[in-house]
Structures are given as structure tokens and as C-alpha cells.
Amino acid sequence: MMHRAQRLIATSVSILLLLVTASMTAPAAAQDADSNDLRDIRLGKPVTDLPDAGYVNFTCASDSGKTLTYWLGWRDCPADALGFHAIKFGYDPATSPDGTIVAGHPAVLTLLVDNAGTVSGLRIETDPKARLYIRKKAFLFGIQVKSRYGLDGWSCTQAQPNAGEQPVGGVYVRERCTKTTHNRSIVVERNLFRKPDQDMKNFVDETRMTILRTKD
């Protein structure tokens, strides 16, 4: 007999998929070329143009113990192999009492700045520490991202389960989608599966989105 927690998760996943399918029957408006990618952030802007108000917890992605006071400290974060200075940040609870939320999902945010001080990338990951009720919806964030940037033109691959992966509520997702639009290269990765040694309340459920600026 299916464990009660497993039944609840299976039912929730099925309902969420039906809701998403229904919402996708009408075409969504793609992001305008001149609109921001996230709040005040738009790829191609100088990092010095970003407001400090509304954002907190600036840290180097490569060293969480290295904190920054404002965006201006971006040079204190060492460049990675691609030449980006990666800064993790969050929303100020004074202005965002619900926390760092993107499209209804608790998120981990990382800004990528090139050596010239230009905002050249943005990474948004669903927060793995979110409560189960919220976290079980994380794989749906990828669908929202694809809708925001236009449903057409995505190139997607879907992996098949291996011996160490099982569906959650009858659903298995290991998807990677890419698209280039408006001088942006976008990668969306979605995962939903359970490992054999995980209990009913623990499973992999996540979306990771990376936007990189391409040459004009």
C-alpha cells in the first residue's frame, strides 16, 4: 500500500501538472528586449548602476564567508574560470517580507559581473531549504521561466531514469533546455526524482536557470 506521504505528494504533483497544463493553453507574452531580467537587474547594465536599496546579504559565491557591503565590492570576489565575479544576494526583508521569492518560489540568486564591471549573467536556483509544501513545486519554476522568455524556440533534452533514480508521484523530470534571444543565452535545468535511499518526504526537486549575455 502506498505510504500516506507518498500519496499526498503524488496527488499534489498531479494537480500541479494539470494546473500548469491548463495555464499553458494560451500563449504567454515573451519578455520584451528592453525589460529587466529581475527587478532592477538587466544584463548589459554597469553593476554600478544597480541600486543597493532592496538587496542584502552580498557574498562571494566562491566563498560564502566573504561578505560585501554593496554591489561596488564586486572586485573583491575572484573571477571564475569564465571570467565572472559571482555575487550571491537576496531581497531585503524590510521591503520584501516574504523573503527572496521569484515567481512564487523561494530562490537563491547569483549575479555574474565581467571584468569590465558589466552585469553579464544571472543565476536563479530554487531554494533547497524551502519548506516541503513549497519545495515540491520547484520543478514548475522552469516552465514559468520558459513562458517568460517565450515558449517557442527552446531546444530541450529529457534524460531517462537510471538505476539510482525513481519517479516522484509517477513523474520523472531530468530536463535541460536552451534558448538564445534578445542577446541572451538561457539555460533552464529541471529535476524531479527520488533516490532509492530517500524517504517519502525527501527527493530531488529543483530548477536552475542561468542567463548569460551574448555579444550584440
N, C-alpha and C. Protein backbone atom coordinates (compact mmCIF):
# COMPACT_ATOMS: atom_id res chain seq x y z
N MET A 1 0.86 -1.20 0.00
CA MET A 1 0.00 0.00 0.00
C MET A 1 0.88 1.23 0.00
N MET A 2 0.50 2.23 -0.76
CA MET A 2 1.29 3.44 -0.87
C MET A 2 1.26 4.21 0.44
N HIS A 3 2.41 4.62 0.92
CA HIS A 3 2.54 5.40 2.13
C HIS A 3 1.72 6.69 2.01
N ARG A 4 1.13 7.16 3.13
CA ARG A 4 0.27 8.35 3.09
C ARG A 4 1.03 9.56 2.53
N ALA A 5 2.27 9.76 2.98
CA ALA A 5 3.05 10.90 2.48
C ALA A 5 3.27 10.80 0.99
N GLN A 6 3.51 9.58 0.50
CA GLN A 6 3.73 9.39 -0.93
C GLN A 6 2.46 9.68 -1.71
N ARG A 7 1.29 9.27 -1.15
CA ARG A 7 0.02 9.55 -1.82
C ARG A 7 -0.22 11.04 -1.92
N LEU A 8 0.08 11.76 -0.83
CA LEU A 8 -0.12 13.21 -0.82
C LEU A 8 0.77 13.89 -1.85
N ILE A 9 2.04 13.45 -1.93
CA ILE A 9 2.96 14.04 -2.89
C ILE A 9 2.51 13.73 -4.31
N ALA A 10 2.11 12.47 -4.55
CA ALA A 10 1.65 12.08 -5.88
C ALA A 10 0.45 12.91 -6.31
N THR A 11 -0.50 13.08 -5.39
CA THR A 11 -1.69 13.88 -5.70
C THR A 11 -1.33 15.32 -5.97
N SER A 12 -0.44 15.87 -5.15
CA SER A 12 -0.05 17.27 -5.31
C SER A 12 0.65 17.48 -6.64
N VAL A 13 1.56 16.58 -7.01
CA VAL A 13 2.28 16.71 -8.27
C VAL A 13 1.31 16.63 -9.44
N SER A 14 0.35 15.71 -9.37
CA SER A 14 -0.62 15.57 -10.46
C SER A 14 -1.46 16.83 -10.62
N ILE A 15 -1.90 17.40 -9.49
CA ILE A 15 -2.71 18.61 -9.55
C ILE A 15 -1.90 19.77 -10.11
N LEU A 16 -0.64 19.90 -9.66
CA LEU A 16 0.21 20.98 -10.14
C LEU A 16 0.44 20.87 -11.64
N LEU A 17 0.65 19.65 -12.12
CA LEU A 17 0.86 19.46 -13.55
C LEU A 17 -0.39 19.83 -14.34
N LEU A 18 -1.57 19.50 -13.82
CA LEU A 18 -2.81 19.85 -14.51
C LEU A 18 -3.00 21.36 -14.56
N LEU A 19 -2.66 22.04 -13.46
CA LEU A 19 -2.79 23.50 -13.42
C LEU A 19 -1.85 24.15 -14.41
N VAL A 20 -0.62 23.64 -14.47
CA VAL A 20 0.36 24.22 -15.39
C VAL A 20 -0.07 23.97 -16.83
N THR A 21 -0.56 22.74 -17.12
CA THR A 21 -1.00 22.42 -18.47
C THR A 21 -2.14 23.34 -18.90
N ALA A 22 -3.06 23.59 -17.98
CA ALA A 22 -4.19 24.46 -18.30
C ALA A 22 -3.72 25.88 -18.58
N SER A 23 -2.75 26.35 -17.79
CA SER A 23 -2.26 27.73 -17.95
C SER A 23 -1.47 27.89 -19.23
N MET A 24 -0.98 26.80 -19.80
CA MET A 24 -0.15 26.88 -20.99
C MET A 24 -0.97 26.80 -22.27
N THR A 25 -2.27 26.63 -22.20
CA THR A 25 -3.07 26.52 -23.41
C THR A 25 -3.13 27.84 -24.17
N ALA A 26 -2.99 28.96 -23.45
CA ALA A 26 -2.94 30.27 -24.11
C ALA A 26 -1.50 30.71 -24.18
N PRO A 27 -1.04 31.24 -25.32
CA PRO A 27 0.36 31.65 -25.43
C PRO A 27 0.69 32.78 -24.49
N ALA A 28 1.85 32.68 -23.83
CA ALA A 28 2.29 33.73 -22.92
C ALA A 28 3.11 34.75 -23.68
N ALA A 29 3.04 35.99 -23.23
CA ALA A 29 3.80 37.06 -23.88
C ALA A 29 5.27 36.93 -23.51
N ALA A 30 6.14 36.93 -24.49
CA ALA A 30 7.58 36.81 -24.24
C ALA A 30 8.10 38.11 -23.67
N GLN A 31 9.22 38.01 -22.98
CA GLN A 31 9.84 39.19 -22.39
C GLN A 31 10.26 40.17 -23.48
N ASP A 32 10.01 41.44 -23.25
CA ASP A 32 10.43 42.47 -24.18
C ASP A 32 11.94 42.65 -24.10
N ALA A 33 12.55 43.01 -25.22
CA ALA A 33 14.01 43.13 -25.29
C ALA A 33 14.55 44.18 -24.33
N ASP A 34 13.74 45.19 -24.00
CA ASP A 34 14.20 46.28 -23.15
C ASP A 34 13.80 46.12 -21.69
N SER A 35 13.12 45.03 -21.35
CA SER A 35 12.69 44.85 -19.97
C SER A 35 13.80 44.23 -19.14
N ASN A 36 13.68 44.39 -17.83
CA ASN A 36 14.70 43.86 -16.94
C ASN A 36 14.55 42.34 -16.79
N ASP A 37 15.65 41.72 -16.40
CA ASP A 37 15.63 40.27 -16.21
C ASP A 37 15.14 39.89 -14.82
N LEU A 38 15.37 40.77 -13.85
CA LEU A 38 14.92 40.53 -12.48
C LEU A 38 14.93 41.86 -11.73
N ARG A 39 13.77 42.31 -11.35
CA ARG A 39 13.65 43.58 -10.64
C ARG A 39 14.40 44.69 -11.38
N ASP A 40 15.42 45.28 -10.70
CA ASP A 40 16.20 46.37 -11.31
C ASP A 40 17.34 45.85 -12.18
N ILE A 41 17.49 44.55 -12.28
CA ILE A 41 18.67 43.96 -12.91
C ILE A 41 18.38 43.64 -14.38
N ARG A 42 19.25 44.13 -15.24
CA ARG A 42 19.18 43.81 -16.66
C ARG A 42 20.58 43.55 -17.17
N LEU A 43 20.75 42.47 -17.88
CA LEU A 43 22.06 42.16 -18.44
C LEU A 43 22.51 43.28 -19.38
N GLY A 44 23.79 43.63 -19.27
CA GLY A 44 24.34 44.69 -20.09
C GLY A 44 24.49 46.01 -19.35
N LYS A 45 23.86 46.13 -18.17
CA LYS A 45 23.99 47.35 -17.39
C LYS A 45 25.29 47.35 -16.60
N PRO A 46 25.89 48.51 -16.34
CA PRO A 46 27.03 48.56 -15.42
C PRO A 46 26.57 48.18 -14.03
N VAL A 47 27.36 47.40 -13.33
CA VAL A 47 26.95 46.98 -11.99
C VAL A 47 26.83 48.18 -11.06
N THR A 48 27.55 49.26 -11.37
CA THR A 48 27.48 50.46 -10.55
C THR A 48 26.12 51.16 -10.67
N ASP A 49 25.33 50.81 -11.69
CA ASP A 49 24.00 51.41 -11.86
C ASP A 49 22.93 50.69 -11.05
N LEU A 50 23.27 49.56 -10.46
CA LEU A 50 22.28 48.81 -9.70
C LEU A 50 22.06 49.48 -8.34
N PRO A 51 20.82 49.63 -7.91
CA PRO A 51 20.57 50.22 -6.59
C PRO A 51 20.93 49.24 -5.48
N ASP A 52 21.46 49.77 -4.39
CA ASP A 52 21.75 48.92 -3.23
C ASP A 52 20.49 48.68 -2.41
N ALA A 53 19.60 49.67 -2.42
CA ALA A 53 18.35 49.54 -1.66
C ALA A 53 17.52 48.39 -2.19
N GLY A 54 17.01 47.59 -1.26
CA GLY A 54 16.16 46.46 -1.64
C GLY A 54 16.90 45.14 -1.70
N TYR A 55 18.23 45.18 -1.55
CA TYR A 55 19.03 43.96 -1.63
C TYR A 55 19.93 43.84 -0.40
N VAL A 56 20.18 42.60 0.03
CA VAL A 56 21.01 42.35 1.22
C VAL A 56 21.83 41.08 1.02
N ASN A 57 22.66 40.81 2.01
CA ASN A 57 23.44 39.56 2.07
C ASN A 57 24.32 39.35 0.84
N PHE A 58 25.08 40.38 0.48
CA PHE A 58 26.01 40.26 -0.63
C PHE A 58 27.21 39.42 -0.19
N THR A 59 27.44 38.30 -0.85
CA THR A 59 28.59 37.45 -0.55
C THR A 59 29.19 36.92 -1.85
N CYS A 60 30.45 36.54 -1.78
CA CYS A 60 31.09 35.94 -2.95
C CYS A 60 30.60 34.50 -3.09
N ALA A 61 30.17 34.14 -4.28
CA ALA A 61 29.65 32.79 -4.49
C ALA A 61 30.71 31.73 -4.24
N SER A 62 31.96 32.07 -4.50
CA SER A 62 33.05 31.10 -4.30
C SER A 62 33.50 31.02 -2.85
N ASP A 63 33.06 31.96 -2.01
CA ASP A 63 33.46 31.99 -0.60
C ASP A 63 32.36 32.68 0.19
N SER A 64 31.44 31.89 0.75
CA SER A 64 30.30 32.46 1.45
C SER A 64 30.70 33.27 2.68
N GLY A 65 31.93 33.07 3.16
CA GLY A 65 32.40 33.81 4.31
C GLY A 65 32.89 35.20 3.96
N LYS A 66 32.99 35.48 2.67
CA LYS A 66 33.48 36.78 2.22
C LYS A 66 32.29 37.65 1.85
N THR A 67 31.97 38.59 2.73
CA THR A 67 30.80 39.42 2.52
C THR A 67 31.17 40.77 1.89
N LEU A 68 30.21 41.34 1.19
CA LEU A 68 30.37 42.64 0.57
C LEU A 68 29.36 43.60 1.18
N THR A 69 29.71 44.87 1.21
CA THR A 69 28.78 45.86 1.74
C THR A 69 27.73 46.23 0.70
N TYR A 70 28.19 46.47 -0.53
CA TYR A 70 27.30 46.85 -1.61
C TYR A 70 27.78 46.18 -2.90
N TRP A 71 27.06 46.43 -4.00
CA TRP A 71 27.46 45.92 -5.30
C TRP A 71 28.87 46.39 -5.67
N LEU A 72 29.23 47.59 -5.20
CA LEU A 72 30.53 48.17 -5.58
C LEU A 72 31.71 47.29 -5.18
N GLY A 73 31.49 46.33 -4.28
CA GLY A 73 32.58 45.46 -3.86
C GLY A 73 32.78 44.26 -4.76
N TRP A 74 32.20 44.28 -5.95
CA TRP A 74 32.25 43.10 -6.83
C TRP A 74 33.66 42.63 -7.14
N ARG A 75 34.62 43.57 -7.17
CA ARG A 75 36.01 43.18 -7.47
C ARG A 75 36.63 42.32 -6.37
N ASP A 76 36.05 42.35 -5.18
CA ASP A 76 36.58 41.54 -4.08
C ASP A 76 36.28 40.06 -4.25
N CYS A 77 35.37 39.74 -5.15
CA CYS A 77 35.08 38.33 -5.44
C CYS A 77 35.96 37.90 -6.61
N PRO A 78 36.77 36.88 -6.43
CA PRO A 78 37.67 36.45 -7.51
C PRO A 78 36.91 35.97 -8.73
N ALA A 79 37.47 36.22 -9.90
CA ALA A 79 36.85 35.77 -11.14
C ALA A 79 36.92 34.26 -11.26
N ASP A 80 35.88 33.66 -11.82
CA ASP A 80 35.87 32.21 -12.01
C ASP A 80 36.53 31.87 -13.35
N ALA A 81 36.42 30.60 -13.75
CA ALA A 81 37.08 30.15 -14.98
C ALA A 81 36.57 30.86 -16.22
N LEU A 82 35.34 31.37 -16.16
CA LEU A 82 34.75 32.08 -17.30
C LEU A 82 35.00 33.59 -17.23
N GLY A 83 35.68 34.02 -16.18
CA GLY A 83 35.98 35.44 -16.04
C GLY A 83 34.89 36.24 -15.34
N PHE A 84 33.96 35.56 -14.67
CA PHE A 84 32.88 36.26 -13.98
C PHE A 84 33.16 36.37 -12.48
N HIS A 85 32.81 37.52 -11.93
CA HIS A 85 32.83 37.73 -10.49
C HIS A 85 31.42 37.45 -10.00
N ALA A 86 31.23 36.35 -9.28
CA ALA A 86 29.90 35.88 -8.90
C ALA A 86 29.53 36.36 -7.50
N ILE A 87 28.39 37.05 -7.40
CA ILE A 87 27.92 37.61 -6.14
C ILE A 87 26.56 37.04 -5.80
N LYS A 88 26.46 36.37 -4.65
CA LYS A 88 25.16 35.92 -4.17
C LYS A 88 24.50 37.06 -3.41
N PHE A 89 23.18 37.12 -3.50
CA PHE A 89 22.45 38.20 -2.84
C PHE A 89 21.02 37.77 -2.59
N GLY A 90 20.32 38.58 -1.80
CA GLY A 90 18.92 38.31 -1.53
C GLY A 90 18.13 39.59 -1.46
N TYR A 91 16.82 39.46 -1.26
CA TYR A 91 15.95 40.63 -1.14
C TYR A 91 15.93 41.10 0.31
N ASP A 92 15.88 42.38 0.49
CA ASP A 92 15.81 42.98 1.83
C ASP A 92 14.45 42.67 2.44
N PRO A 93 14.41 42.00 3.61
CA PRO A 93 13.12 41.68 4.23
C PRO A 93 12.32 42.91 4.62
N ALA A 94 12.99 44.06 4.71
CA ALA A 94 12.27 45.28 5.04
C ALA A 94 11.31 45.68 3.92
N THR A 95 11.68 45.36 2.70
CA THR A 95 10.84 45.69 1.54
C THR A 95 10.21 44.44 0.92
N SER A 96 10.75 43.27 1.26
CA SER A 96 10.21 42.00 0.75
C SER A 96 10.01 41.06 1.93
N PRO A 97 8.94 41.27 2.71
CA PRO A 97 8.74 40.50 3.93
C PRO A 97 8.59 39.00 3.72
N ASP A 98 8.24 38.57 2.51
CA ASP A 98 8.11 37.14 2.24
C ASP A 98 9.45 36.48 1.93
N GLY A 99 10.51 37.29 1.86
CA GLY A 99 11.83 36.73 1.58
C GLY A 99 12.20 36.88 0.11
N THR A 100 13.23 36.14 -0.28
CA THR A 100 13.70 36.19 -1.67
C THR A 100 12.87 35.23 -2.49
N ILE A 101 11.84 35.77 -3.12
CA ILE A 101 10.87 34.99 -3.86
C ILE A 101 10.89 35.42 -5.32
N VAL A 102 10.96 34.46 -6.24
CA VAL A 102 10.90 34.75 -7.67
C VAL A 102 9.77 33.90 -8.27
N ALA A 103 8.77 34.56 -8.83
CA ALA A 103 7.62 33.87 -9.41
C ALA A 103 6.98 32.89 -8.45
N GLY A 104 6.95 33.28 -7.16
CA GLY A 104 6.32 32.45 -6.15
C GLY A 104 7.21 31.39 -5.54
N HIS A 105 8.46 31.31 -5.95
CA HIS A 105 9.37 30.28 -5.46
C HIS A 105 10.51 30.90 -4.65
N PRO A 106 10.77 30.39 -3.44
CA PRO A 106 11.97 30.82 -2.71
C PRO A 106 13.19 30.51 -3.57
N ALA A 107 14.11 31.49 -3.67
CA ALA A 107 15.20 31.34 -4.63
C ALA A 107 16.54 31.76 -4.05
N VAL A 108 17.58 31.21 -4.64
CA VAL A 108 18.97 31.58 -4.38
C VAL A 108 19.45 32.33 -5.61
N LEU A 109 19.92 33.56 -5.43
CA LEU A 109 20.26 34.42 -6.55
C LEU A 109 21.76 34.68 -6.62
N THR A 110 22.29 34.68 -7.85
CA THR A 110 23.70 34.97 -8.08
C THR A 110 23.85 35.89 -9.27
N LEU A 111 24.55 37.00 -9.08
CA LEU A 111 24.83 37.94 -10.17
C LEU A 111 26.23 37.69 -10.70
N LEU A 112 26.39 37.72 -12.02
CA LEU A 112 27.68 37.50 -12.65
C LEU A 112 28.14 38.79 -13.31
N VAL A 113 29.31 39.28 -12.89
CA VAL A 113 29.85 40.55 -13.38
C VAL A 113 31.17 40.28 -14.09
N ASP A 114 31.34 40.85 -15.29
CA ASP A 114 32.59 40.62 -16.01
C ASP A 114 33.67 41.59 -15.54
N ASN A 115 34.87 41.45 -16.06
CA ASN A 115 36.00 42.25 -15.60
C ASN A 115 35.84 43.74 -15.89
N ALA A 116 34.93 44.08 -16.80
CA ALA A 116 34.69 45.49 -17.12
C ALA A 116 33.63 46.10 -16.20
N GLY A 117 33.08 45.29 -15.30
CA GLY A 117 32.07 45.80 -14.39
C GLY A 117 30.67 45.80 -14.97
N THR A 118 30.45 44.97 -15.98
CA THR A 118 29.14 44.88 -16.63
C THR A 118 28.38 43.66 -16.13
N VAL A 119 27.10 43.82 -15.88
CA VAL A 119 26.26 42.69 -15.49
C VAL A 119 26.15 41.76 -16.70
N SER A 120 26.77 40.60 -16.61
CA SER A 120 26.86 39.70 -17.77
C SER A 120 26.13 38.39 -17.57
N GLY A 121 25.58 38.18 -16.40
CA GLY A 121 24.86 36.93 -16.17
C GLY A 121 24.06 36.96 -14.89
N LEU A 122 23.10 36.08 -14.82
CA LEU A 122 22.23 35.96 -13.66
C LEU A 122 21.87 34.49 -13.49
N ARG A 123 21.99 34.01 -12.27
CA ARG A 123 21.61 32.63 -11.98
C ARG A 123 20.52 32.63 -10.90
N ILE A 124 19.44 31.92 -11.18
CA ILE A 124 18.35 31.78 -10.22
C ILE A 124 18.13 30.30 -9.97
N GLU A 125 18.23 29.89 -8.71
CA GLU A 125 18.03 28.49 -8.34
C GLU A 125 16.93 28.41 -7.28
N THR A 126 16.06 27.45 -7.40
CA THR A 126 15.07 27.25 -6.35
C THR A 126 15.78 26.84 -5.06
N ASP A 127 15.29 27.35 -3.94
CA ASP A 127 15.96 27.16 -2.66
C ASP A 127 15.71 25.74 -2.13
N PRO A 128 16.77 24.94 -1.98
CA PRO A 128 16.59 23.57 -1.48
C PRO A 128 16.18 23.51 -0.01
N LYS A 129 16.27 24.65 0.69
CA LYS A 129 15.92 24.68 2.11
C LYS A 129 14.48 25.12 2.34
N ALA A 130 13.74 25.36 1.27
CA ALA A 130 12.35 25.77 1.41
C ALA A 130 11.52 24.65 2.03
N ARG A 131 10.40 25.01 2.63
CA ARG A 131 9.52 24.01 3.22
C ARG A 131 8.99 23.06 2.15
N LEU A 132 8.69 21.84 2.55
CA LEU A 132 8.25 20.81 1.61
C LEU A 132 7.08 21.28 0.76
N TYR A 133 6.11 21.96 1.37
CA TYR A 133 4.93 22.40 0.64
C TYR A 133 5.30 23.27 -0.55
N ILE A 134 6.33 24.11 -0.37
CA ILE A 134 6.78 24.99 -1.43
C ILE A 134 7.78 24.28 -2.34
N ARG A 135 8.68 23.53 -1.73
CA ARG A 135 9.77 22.90 -2.49
C ARG A 135 9.27 21.89 -3.50
N LYS A 136 8.15 21.23 -3.22
CA LYS A 136 7.66 20.21 -4.16
C LYS A 136 7.18 20.82 -5.47
N LYS A 137 7.06 22.16 -5.51
CA LYS A 137 6.65 22.84 -6.73
C LYS A 137 7.85 23.36 -7.53
N ALA A 138 9.06 23.13 -7.02
CA ALA A 138 10.24 23.78 -7.60
C ALA A 138 10.45 23.45 -9.07
N PHE A 139 10.13 22.22 -9.48
CA PHE A 139 10.37 21.84 -10.88
C PHE A 139 9.48 22.62 -11.84
N LEU A 140 8.40 23.23 -11.33
CA LEU A 140 7.50 24.01 -12.18
C LEU A 140 8.06 25.39 -12.50
N PHE A 141 9.03 25.85 -11.72
CA PHE A 141 9.61 27.16 -11.98
C PHE A 141 10.23 27.23 -13.38
N GLY A 142 10.80 26.13 -13.82
CA GLY A 142 11.39 26.10 -15.15
C GLY A 142 10.38 26.38 -16.24
N ILE A 143 9.15 25.90 -16.08
CA ILE A 143 8.10 26.16 -17.05
C ILE A 143 7.75 27.65 -17.06
N GLN A 144 7.75 28.26 -15.88
CA GLN A 144 7.47 29.69 -15.79
C GLN A 144 8.56 30.51 -16.48
N VAL A 145 9.80 30.08 -16.33
CA VAL A 145 10.91 30.77 -16.99
C VAL A 145 10.76 30.71 -18.50
N LYS A 146 10.46 29.52 -19.01
CA LYS A 146 10.31 29.36 -20.45
C LYS A 146 9.15 30.20 -20.98
N SER A 147 8.10 30.33 -20.19
CA SER A 147 6.98 31.16 -20.60
C SER A 147 7.39 32.63 -20.65
N ARG A 148 8.18 33.06 -19.68
CA ARG A 148 8.61 34.47 -19.62
C ARG A 148 9.43 34.86 -20.84
N TYR A 149 10.28 33.95 -21.29
CA TYR A 149 11.16 34.26 -22.41
C TYR A 149 10.62 33.75 -23.75
N GLY A 150 9.35 33.35 -23.76
CA GLY A 150 8.72 32.90 -25.00
C GLY A 150 8.75 31.39 -25.11
N LEU A 151 7.61 30.78 -25.35
CA LEU A 151 7.51 29.32 -25.35
C LEU A 151 8.15 28.68 -26.57
N ASP A 152 8.33 29.42 -27.63
CA ASP A 152 8.90 28.87 -28.86
C ASP A 152 10.42 29.01 -28.87
N GLY A 153 11.06 28.12 -29.63
CA GLY A 153 12.50 28.26 -29.86
C GLY A 153 13.39 27.58 -28.85
N TRP A 154 12.83 26.83 -27.93
CA TRP A 154 13.65 26.12 -26.94
C TRP A 154 14.12 24.79 -27.50
N SER A 155 15.35 24.45 -27.19
CA SER A 155 15.91 23.14 -27.53
C SER A 155 16.07 22.36 -26.23
N CYS A 156 15.32 21.27 -26.09
CA CYS A 156 15.27 20.55 -24.82
C CYS A 156 15.68 19.08 -24.98
N THR A 157 16.32 18.57 -23.94
CA THR A 157 16.63 17.15 -23.86
C THR A 157 16.08 16.62 -22.54
N GLN A 158 15.55 15.41 -22.56
CA GLN A 158 14.97 14.78 -21.38
C GLN A 158 15.69 13.45 -21.15
N ALA A 159 16.35 13.34 -20.00
CA ALA A 159 17.05 12.10 -19.67
C ALA A 159 16.07 11.04 -19.19
N GLN A 160 16.51 9.79 -19.24
CA GLN A 160 15.71 8.67 -18.75
C GLN A 160 16.23 8.23 -17.39
N PRO A 161 15.36 7.69 -16.54
CA PRO A 161 15.79 7.28 -15.20
C PRO A 161 16.89 6.23 -15.26
N ASN A 162 17.87 6.36 -14.38
CA ASN A 162 18.88 5.31 -14.25
C ASN A 162 18.57 4.49 -13.01
N ALA A 163 19.45 3.56 -12.67
CA ALA A 163 19.19 2.64 -11.57
C ALA A 163 19.08 3.35 -10.22
N GLY A 164 19.65 4.55 -10.13
CA GLY A 164 19.63 5.26 -8.85
C GLY A 164 18.57 6.34 -8.77
N GLU A 165 17.60 6.31 -9.68
CA GLU A 165 16.58 7.36 -9.70
C GLU A 165 15.19 6.76 -9.87
N GLN A 166 14.22 7.32 -9.14
CA GLN A 166 12.84 6.85 -9.22
C GLN A 166 11.91 8.04 -9.41
N PRO A 167 10.78 7.85 -10.09
CA PRO A 167 9.80 8.94 -10.23
C PRO A 167 9.22 9.35 -8.88
N VAL A 168 8.73 10.56 -8.79
CA VAL A 168 8.03 11.06 -7.61
C VAL A 168 6.56 11.24 -7.99
N GLY A 169 5.69 10.49 -7.34
CA GLY A 169 4.28 10.59 -7.69
C GLY A 169 4.02 10.21 -9.13
N GLY A 170 4.83 9.31 -9.68
CA GLY A 170 4.67 8.89 -11.07
C GLY A 170 5.28 9.84 -12.08
N VAL A 171 5.97 10.88 -11.61
CA VAL A 171 6.55 11.88 -12.51
C VAL A 171 8.07 11.89 -12.36
N TYR A 172 8.75 11.84 -13.48
CA TYR A 172 10.22 11.90 -13.51
C TYR A 172 10.64 13.01 -14.47
N VAL A 173 11.49 13.91 -13.99
CA VAL A 173 11.96 15.02 -14.83
C VAL A 173 13.47 15.16 -14.68
N ARG A 174 14.17 15.07 -15.79
CA ARG A 174 15.59 15.42 -15.87
C ARG A 174 15.75 16.16 -17.19
N GLU A 175 15.40 17.43 -17.20
CA GLU A 175 15.29 18.20 -18.43
C GLU A 175 16.31 19.34 -18.47
N ARG A 176 16.84 19.56 -19.67
CA ARG A 176 17.74 20.70 -19.89
C ARG A 176 17.31 21.39 -21.18
N CYS A 177 16.98 22.68 -21.07
CA CYS A 177 16.51 23.44 -22.22
C CYS A 177 17.39 24.67 -22.43
N THR A 178 17.63 25.01 -23.68
CA THR A 178 18.44 26.18 -24.01
C THR A 178 17.73 27.03 -25.05
N LYS A 179 18.03 28.32 -25.01
CA LYS A 179 17.47 29.25 -25.97
C LYS A 179 18.33 30.50 -26.01
N THR A 180 18.44 31.10 -27.20
CA THR A 180 19.14 32.37 -27.35
C THR A 180 18.16 33.39 -27.89
N THR A 181 18.02 34.52 -27.17
CA THR A 181 17.07 35.55 -27.58
C THR A 181 17.46 36.87 -26.94
N HIS A 182 17.24 37.97 -27.64
CA HIS A 182 17.50 39.32 -27.10
C HIS A 182 18.90 39.43 -26.49
N ASN A 183 19.92 38.94 -27.21
CA ASN A 183 21.30 39.00 -26.73
C ASN A 183 21.50 38.27 -25.40
N ARG A 184 20.72 37.20 -25.22
CA ARG A 184 20.81 36.40 -24.01
C ARG A 184 20.85 34.93 -24.37
N SER A 185 21.71 34.20 -23.69
CA SER A 185 21.74 32.76 -23.80
C SER A 185 21.17 32.21 -22.50
N ILE A 186 20.09 31.44 -22.61
CA ILE A 186 19.36 30.99 -21.42
C ILE A 186 19.42 29.47 -21.32
N VAL A 187 19.73 28.99 -20.13
CA VAL A 187 19.73 27.56 -19.85
C VAL A 187 18.80 27.30 -18.67
N VAL A 188 17.87 26.39 -18.85
CA VAL A 188 16.95 26.01 -17.77
C VAL A 188 17.10 24.51 -17.53
N GLU A 189 17.42 24.16 -16.29
CA GLU A 189 17.58 22.75 -15.90
C GLU A 189 16.56 22.42 -14.82
N ARG A 190 15.78 21.35 -15.06
CA ARG A 190 14.75 20.94 -14.11
C ARG A 190 14.96 19.48 -13.71
N ASN A 191 14.81 19.21 -12.42
CA ASN A 191 14.97 17.85 -11.92
C ASN A 191 13.86 17.52 -10.93
N LEU A 192 13.28 16.35 -11.10
CA LEU A 192 12.32 15.82 -10.14
C LEU A 192 12.46 14.31 -10.13
N PHE A 193 13.03 13.78 -9.05
CA PHE A 193 13.18 12.33 -8.90
C PHE A 193 13.57 12.03 -7.46
N ARG A 194 13.49 10.77 -7.12
CA ARG A 194 13.88 10.33 -5.78
C ARG A 194 14.98 9.29 -5.90
N LYS A 195 15.93 9.36 -4.99
CA LYS A 195 16.97 8.35 -4.91
C LYS A 195 16.46 7.20 -4.05
N PRO A 196 16.91 5.98 -4.29
CA PRO A 196 16.37 4.81 -3.58
C PRO A 196 16.46 4.90 -2.06
N ASP A 197 17.47 5.59 -1.53
CA ASP A 197 17.65 5.63 -0.08
C ASP A 197 16.92 6.81 0.57
N GLN A 198 16.16 7.59 -0.20
CA GLN A 198 15.44 8.73 0.35
C GLN A 198 14.04 8.33 0.80
N ASP A 199 13.58 8.95 1.93
CA ASP A 199 12.24 8.65 2.39
C ASP A 199 11.22 9.46 1.58
N MET A 200 9.94 9.32 1.94
CA MET A 200 8.88 9.89 1.13
C MET A 200 8.90 11.41 1.11
N LYS A 201 9.47 12.04 2.13
CA LYS A 201 9.47 13.50 2.22
C LYS A 201 10.75 14.12 1.66
N ASN A 202 11.66 13.28 1.24
CA ASN A 202 12.92 13.78 0.70
C ASN A 202 13.10 13.30 -0.73
N PHE A 203 13.33 14.26 -1.62
CA PHE A 203 13.54 13.92 -3.03
C PHE A 203 14.17 15.13 -3.71
N VAL A 204 14.71 14.91 -4.89
CA VAL A 204 15.32 15.98 -5.66
C VAL A 204 14.22 16.69 -6.44
N ASP A 205 14.05 17.98 -6.18
CA ASP A 205 13.03 18.78 -6.86
C ASP A 205 13.61 20.19 -6.99
N GLU A 206 14.00 20.57 -8.19
CA GLU A 206 14.74 21.82 -8.34
C GLU A 206 14.67 22.35 -9.76
N THR A 207 14.87 23.65 -9.87
CA THR A 207 15.08 24.31 -11.16
C THR A 207 16.28 25.24 -11.02
N ARG A 208 17.10 25.24 -12.03
CA ARG A 208 18.26 26.11 -12.07
C ARG A 208 18.24 26.84 -13.42
N MET A 209 18.22 28.15 -13.36
CA MET A 209 18.20 28.96 -14.58
C MET A 209 19.45 29.82 -14.62
N THR A 210 20.12 29.84 -15.77
CA THR A 210 21.30 30.68 -15.96
C THR A 210 21.10 31.50 -17.23
N ILE A 211 21.25 32.81 -17.11
CA ILE A 211 21.18 33.71 -18.27
C ILE A 211 22.54 34.35 -18.44
N LEU A 212 23.09 34.26 -19.63
CA LEU A 212 24.37 34.89 -19.93
C LEU A 212 24.20 35.86 -21.08
N ARG A 213 24.88 36.97 -21.00
CA ARG A 213 24.82 37.96 -22.08
C ARG A 213 25.65 37.48 -23.26
N THR A 214 25.09 37.62 -24.43
CA THR A 214 25.82 37.29 -25.65
C THR A 214 26.24 38.59 -26.35
N LYS A 215 27.12 38.48 -27.31
CA LYS A 215 27.60 39.68 -28.00
C LYS A 215 26.49 40.28 -28.84
N ASP A 216 26.47 41.60 -28.91
CA ASP A 216 25.47 42.32 -29.70
C ASP A 216 25.65 42.00 -31.18
